Protein backbone atom coordinates (compact mmCIF):
# COMPACT_ATOMS: atom_id res chain seq x y z
CA MET A 1 -22.61 21.78 22.87
CA LYS A 2 -22.73 18.06 22.46
CA GLN A 3 -20.69 14.96 24.34
CA VAL A 4 -19.22 12.64 22.14
CA GLN A 5 -16.63 9.42 22.29
CA GLY A 6 -13.42 9.42 20.49
CA ILE A 7 -9.80 8.37 20.12
CA ILE A 8 -6.66 11.02 20.22
CA ILE A 9 -4.95 10.44 16.76
CA GLN A 10 -2.42 13.44 17.22
CA GLN A 11 -1.13 15.95 20.29
CA ASN A 12 0.83 18.88 19.12
CA GLY A 13 1.23 22.09 21.12
CA GLY A 14 -1.01 21.94 24.02
CA PHE A 15 -3.61 20.63 20.87
CA TYR A 16 -5.44 17.28 21.06
CA TYR A 17 -6.95 15.95 17.50
CA VAL A 18 -9.53 13.77 18.48
CA GLU A 19 -11.38 11.90 15.60
CA ALA A 20 -15.24 11.01 16.26
CA ALA A 21 -17.85 10.27 14.27
CA ASP A 22 -16.54 10.82 10.96
CA ALA A 23 -14.82 14.12 12.11
CA VAL A 24 -11.79 15.35 13.85
CA TYR A 25 -11.94 17.90 16.38
CA THR A 26 -9.18 20.39 17.40
CA CYS A 27 -9.52 20.26 21.70
CA ARG A 28 -7.63 21.55 24.35
CA ALA A 29 -7.22 19.84 27.56
CA ARG A 30 -9.24 20.87 30.99
CA GLY A 31 -6.56 21.47 34.09
CA ILE A 32 -7.99 18.37 35.52
CA PHE A 33 -5.78 16.54 34.10
CA ARG A 34 -2.68 17.91 34.89
CA ARG A 35 -3.86 18.31 38.71
CA GLN A 36 -4.07 14.83 38.71
CA GLY A 37 -0.86 14.33 36.99
CA LEU A 38 -2.64 12.63 33.69
CA THR A 39 -1.65 13.44 30.37
CA PRO A 40 -3.54 12.51 27.14
CA VAL A 41 -1.54 10.99 24.33
CA ALA A 42 -2.05 9.37 21.06
CA GLY A 43 -4.43 6.49 21.53
CA ASP A 44 -6.58 7.63 24.19
CA ARG A 45 -9.78 6.93 24.21
CA VAL A 46 -11.31 10.19 25.35
CA GLU A 47 -14.64 11.87 26.15
CA ILE A 48 -14.92 15.54 24.95
CA SER A 49 -17.42 18.07 24.85
CA VAL A 50 -17.79 20.17 21.17
CA GLU A 51 -19.02 22.65 19.45
CA SER A 52 -20.48 23.61 15.94
CA ASP A 53 -16.69 24.77 15.02
CA ASN A 54 -15.39 21.35 15.59
CA THR A 55 -13.23 22.56 18.49
CA GLY A 56 -13.80 21.05 21.92
CA MET A 57 -12.74 20.26 25.07
CA LEU A 58 -11.24 16.81 26.77
CA GLU A 59 -13.71 15.73 29.44
CA LYS A 60 -12.31 12.49 30.62
CA ILE A 61 -9.61 9.95 29.49
CA LEU A 62 -11.39 6.39 29.45
CA GLU A 63 -9.29 3.41 31.07
CA ARG A 64 -6.18 2.58 29.46
CA ARG A 65 -5.54 -1.27 28.88
CA ASN A 66 -1.60 -0.24 27.93
CA CYS A 67 0.74 3.01 27.60
CA LEU A 68 3.94 3.67 26.63
CA VAL A 69 6.19 6.52 28.18
CA ARG A 70 8.20 7.27 24.83
CA PRO A 71 6.27 7.22 22.69
CA PRO A 72 3.60 8.04 24.08
CA VAL A 73 0.87 6.47 23.40
CA ALA A 74 -2.02 4.07 24.74
CA ASN A 75 -3.91 1.27 23.58
CA ILE A 76 -1.62 -0.47 21.54
CA ASP A 77 -3.16 -3.39 20.51
CA LEU A 78 0.05 -5.11 18.31
CA LEU A 79 3.09 -4.76 18.13
CA VAL A 80 4.11 -5.30 14.60
CA LEU A 81 7.80 -6.63 15.06
CA VAL A 82 9.46 -6.94 11.03
CA ALA A 83 12.47 -9.21 10.88
CA SER A 84 14.08 -9.92 7.60
CA VAL A 85 15.47 -13.61 6.11
CA CYS A 86 18.62 -11.33 4.79
CA GLN A 87 19.76 -8.13 3.74
CA PRO A 88 20.11 -7.60 6.65
CA LYS A 89 20.01 -10.47 8.57
CA THR A 90 17.65 -9.93 11.89
CA ASN A 91 19.58 -10.29 15.31
CA THR A 92 17.31 -11.71 17.09
CA LEU A 93 18.24 -10.54 20.59
CA VAL A 94 16.85 -7.23 19.18
CA LEU A 95 14.16 -8.72 18.22
CA ASP A 96 13.80 -10.70 21.63
CA LYS A 97 14.03 -7.44 23.33
CA MET A 98 11.17 -5.68 21.79
CA ILE A 99 8.91 -8.96 22.55
CA ALA A 100 9.18 -9.03 26.25
CA VAL A 101 8.61 -5.12 26.50
CA ALA A 102 5.57 -6.06 24.41
CA GLU A 103 4.50 -8.91 26.70
CA LYS A 104 5.32 -6.78 29.59
CA LYS A 105 3.24 -4.11 28.65
CA GLY A 106 0.27 -6.40 27.88
CA ILE A 107 0.71 -5.30 24.25
CA GLN A 108 0.38 -8.50 21.37
CA PRO A 109 3.22 -8.82 19.67
CA ILE A 110 3.37 -10.56 16.56
CA VAL A 111 6.56 -11.32 14.44
CA VAL A 112 6.80 -10.50 10.44
CA ILE A 113 9.20 -12.59 8.49
CA ASN A 114 10.27 -10.38 5.01
CA LYS A 115 11.65 -10.96 2.44
CA SER A 116 10.96 -15.01 1.76
CA ASP A 117 12.25 -14.57 -2.00
CA LEU A 118 15.49 -13.38 -1.18
CA GLY A 119 16.20 -16.63 1.32
CA ASP A 120 14.81 -19.20 3.44
CA PRO A 121 12.61 -18.64 6.29
CA GLY A 122 12.98 -22.12 7.97
CA GLU A 123 15.07 -20.55 10.79
CA LEU A 124 13.17 -17.42 11.98
CA GLU A 125 9.95 -19.11 11.42
CA ALA A 126 10.71 -22.43 13.41
CA ILE A 127 12.06 -19.95 16.36
CA TYR A 128 9.16 -17.80 16.68
CA ARG A 129 6.55 -20.46 15.87
CA SER A 130 7.56 -22.57 19.17
CA THR A 131 7.06 -19.60 21.09
CA GLY A 132 3.56 -19.46 20.40
CA LEU A 133 3.55 -15.99 18.90
CA GLU A 134 1.73 -15.55 15.55
CA CYS A 135 4.22 -15.32 12.73
CA PHE A 136 3.55 -14.31 9.00
CA THR A 137 6.16 -14.84 5.88
CA VAL A 138 5.57 -12.39 3.86
CA SER A 139 7.14 -11.20 0.52
CA ALA A 140 6.26 -7.43 0.28
CA THR A 141 6.71 -7.90 -3.69
CA ASP A 142 3.74 -10.37 -3.24
CA PRO A 143 0.47 -9.17 -2.63
CA ALA A 144 -1.28 -12.39 -2.14
CA SER A 145 1.35 -13.16 1.21
CA LEU A 146 0.55 -9.80 2.15
CA GLU A 147 -3.04 -10.72 3.04
CA PRO A 148 -3.31 -12.58 6.07
CA LEU A 149 -1.46 -9.62 7.67
CA ARG A 150 -3.70 -6.83 6.16
CA ARG A 151 -6.59 -8.76 7.79
CA ARG A 152 -4.99 -9.01 11.21
CA LEU A 153 -4.41 -5.67 11.25
CA ALA A 154 -8.08 -4.94 10.76
CA GLY A 155 -9.78 -2.57 13.55
CA GLN A 156 -6.37 -2.98 15.26
CA ILE A 157 -4.36 -0.28 16.91
CA SER A 158 -0.43 -1.44 15.36
CA VAL A 159 3.09 -0.08 15.75
CA PHE A 160 5.86 -1.68 13.54
CA ALA A 161 8.95 -2.04 14.75
CA GLY A 162 12.11 -3.74 13.00
CA ASN A 163 15.64 -2.62 12.55
CA SER A 164 16.25 -0.41 9.81
CA GLY A 165 16.08 -2.38 6.03
CA VAL A 166 13.95 -5.06 7.12
CA GLY A 167 11.04 -3.82 5.00
CA LYS A 168 8.82 -1.97 7.37
CA SER A 169 7.88 0.26 4.16
CA SER A 170 7.92 -2.26 1.84
CA ILE A 171 4.98 -3.99 3.85
CA LEU A 172 3.28 -1.19 4.33
CA ASN A 173 3.08 -0.03 0.79
CA GLY A 174 1.76 -3.66 0.22
CA ILE A 175 -0.88 -3.34 2.30
CA ASP A 176 -1.77 0.28 1.66
CA PRO A 177 -0.70 1.51 -1.68
CA THR A 178 -1.84 4.91 -0.95
CA LEU A 179 0.77 5.75 1.60
CA GLN A 180 3.87 5.57 -1.23
CA LEU A 181 6.22 5.49 1.52
CA SER A 182 10.15 5.51 0.47
CA THR A 183 12.28 2.99 1.91
CA GLY A 184 13.04 4.20 5.26
CA GLU A 185 10.85 7.12 4.92
CA ILE A 186 8.04 6.31 7.28
CA SER A 187 7.97 9.71 9.16
CA GLN A 188 8.84 12.48 6.63
CA LYS A 189 5.92 11.03 4.53
CA LEU A 190 3.74 11.04 7.21
CA GLY A 191 4.71 14.73 8.06
CA ARG A 192 7.22 15.12 10.52
CA GLY A 193 10.89 14.97 10.15
CA ARG A 194 13.09 12.44 12.07
CA HIS A 195 14.35 13.78 14.65
CA THR A 196 11.46 17.16 15.28
CA THR A 197 9.47 15.13 17.88
CA ARG A 198 8.59 12.48 20.02
CA THR A 199 5.09 12.98 19.33
CA ALA A 200 3.14 9.12 18.11
CA THR A 201 0.34 9.95 15.44
CA LEU A 202 -2.33 7.81 14.26
CA TYR A 203 -3.09 7.16 10.87
CA HIS A 204 -5.83 4.91 9.17
CA LEU A 205 -4.40 1.60 7.64
CA ALA A 206 -6.53 -1.63 6.73
CA GLU A 207 -9.85 -0.31 8.42
CA GLY A 208 -7.77 0.33 11.72
CA TYR A 209 -4.48 2.49 12.91
CA LEU A 210 -1.11 2.90 12.39
CA VAL A 211 0.84 4.45 15.04
CA ASP A 212 3.89 6.62 13.15
CA THR A 213 6.41 7.20 15.96
CA PRO A 214 9.99 7.99 14.80
CA GLY A 215 12.68 6.50 17.50
CA PHE A 216 10.57 3.54 18.81
CA SER A 217 14.36 1.53 18.70
CA SER A 218 14.72 -1.61 20.95
CA LEU A 219 17.43 0.29 22.54
CA GLU A 220 14.91 3.59 24.01
CA LEU A 221 12.21 1.15 25.16
CA GLU A 222 14.85 -1.33 27.19
CA GLN A 223 16.20 2.36 28.81
CA VAL A 224 12.43 3.70 29.41
CA GLU A 225 11.12 -0.16 29.67
CA PRO A 226 13.57 -1.69 32.09
CA ILE A 227 12.48 -5.49 32.68
CA TYR A 228 14.06 -6.90 36.06
CA LYS A 229 15.05 -10.12 37.22
CA GLU A 230 11.86 -11.18 38.86
CA GLU A 231 9.71 -10.00 35.34
CA LEU A 232 11.91 -11.29 32.64
CA PRO A 233 10.84 -15.31 32.95
CA TYR A 234 7.38 -14.14 32.05
CA CYS A 235 7.85 -12.43 29.37
CA PHE A 236 9.36 -15.48 27.27
CA ARG A 237 5.87 -17.23 27.27
CA GLU A 238 7.14 -20.21 26.41
CA PHE A 239 8.85 -20.67 29.42
CA GLU A 240 5.60 -20.71 31.38
CA PRO A 241 5.18 -24.65 30.88
CA TYR A 242 8.26 -25.26 33.02
CA VAL A 243 8.65 -21.89 35.51
CA GLY A 244 7.36 -23.63 39.33
CA ARG A 245 9.18 -27.12 38.14
CA CYS A 246 12.03 -26.26 38.57
CA ARG A 247 14.06 -28.25 41.78
CA PHE A 248 14.89 -24.30 43.40
CA SER A 249 11.71 -22.75 44.42
CA GLY A 250 12.59 -18.56 43.22
CA CYS A 251 14.93 -20.22 40.38
CA ALA A 252 16.44 -17.66 37.58
CA HIS A 253 16.45 -20.27 34.61
CA TYR A 254 20.13 -19.20 34.61
CA LYS A 255 22.42 -21.26 36.28
CA GLU A 256 21.11 -22.95 38.80
CA PRO A 257 20.82 -27.13 38.79
CA GLY A 258 17.68 -28.74 38.24
CA CYS A 259 16.12 -26.00 36.33
CA ALA A 260 13.09 -27.20 34.03
CA VAL A 261 13.79 -24.69 31.76
CA ARG A 262 17.38 -25.02 30.68
CA MET A 263 16.32 -28.85 30.58
CA ALA A 264 13.45 -27.71 28.38
CA VAL A 265 16.36 -25.94 26.18
CA GLU A 266 18.43 -29.08 26.21
CA ALA A 267 15.51 -31.33 24.78
CA GLY A 268 14.88 -28.62 22.27
CA GLU A 269 11.38 -27.60 23.40
CA VAL A 270 12.66 -24.31 24.17
CA ALA A 271 14.57 -22.33 20.88
CA GLN A 272 18.37 -21.81 22.09
CA SER A 273 18.47 -18.82 20.27
CA ARG A 274 15.44 -17.64 22.98
CA TYR A 275 17.22 -18.85 25.73
CA ASP A 276 20.53 -16.84 24.73
CA SER A 277 18.76 -13.81 24.64
CA TYR A 278 16.63 -14.51 28.31
CA VAL A 279 20.32 -14.76 29.47
CA THR A 280 21.95 -11.75 28.06
CA MET A 281 18.88 -9.80 29.52
CA TYR A 282 18.87 -11.71 32.44
CA GLU A 283 22.81 -10.62 32.85
CA ALA A 284 22.21 -7.17 32.24
CA VAL A 285 19.87 -6.62 35.12
CA LYS A 286 20.54 -9.33 37.93
CA ASP A 287 22.32 -7.00 40.04
CA ILE A 288 20.23 -3.64 40.20
CA LYS A 289 19.05 -3.32 43.53
CA GLU A 290 15.79 -2.79 44.61
CA TRP A 291 16.24 0.76 45.65
CA GLU A 292 17.84 1.72 41.98
CA LYS A 293 14.69 0.87 40.39
CA VAL A 294 12.91 3.38 38.71
């Protein structure tokens, strides 16, 4: 029996499928994880002991950089948020909620603006480039426009998210034509029915991994990964230069006079739509008491 390190690419029915040294090992987890209250998930870097028949045992979960509860996945490098210029026009509140969750969890969000061949991407580009976030403007029908994104995904563990119809499948097909995904059929193509499981699975994409998971929606993220009012300003990175410069300490950047963030919005230094999203999210959590927090 030998010890190797690898990455969990799928969990199913008590078995963990670990990719290590160009092989995939079917592993069980030792009972110590249950006693410690630890659950191995896709994306975990692990140490395993392996047999000659490609079976093994999970021995240790290496330190996680981040972890989501639902879908259960660890060590995500990039949350790729796909927006579209039109058909459908992107709801910036939904997009901003997902960006905020990524910021809270220490996952790098990047914005991909799709369908630039069908409309002017200028408005969305102006909003999200002003935040300091990485922003890629693409057309899924133009392979050349996808090349910078493909290079950015190389070697990363990436999750694609966005409203239905924004073109996630088309972009993934353009990056890796072997996927042969039909529109809206990411999970079905990769081997699972739409509602059959919450288990995340990792697939190879652009010398990295794509996390396939149905149910990675803004609504579920908001419910499972709540952002409380004290945390919220730090989930809008463009607020950072102004936080601490307000007239009152502990400013919520909501209705207080002398708020540096609000003045930055009025001066056009912070996008109005981003601030509007902040206000909507703040109003949803401002009355939550300490004892009500999960």
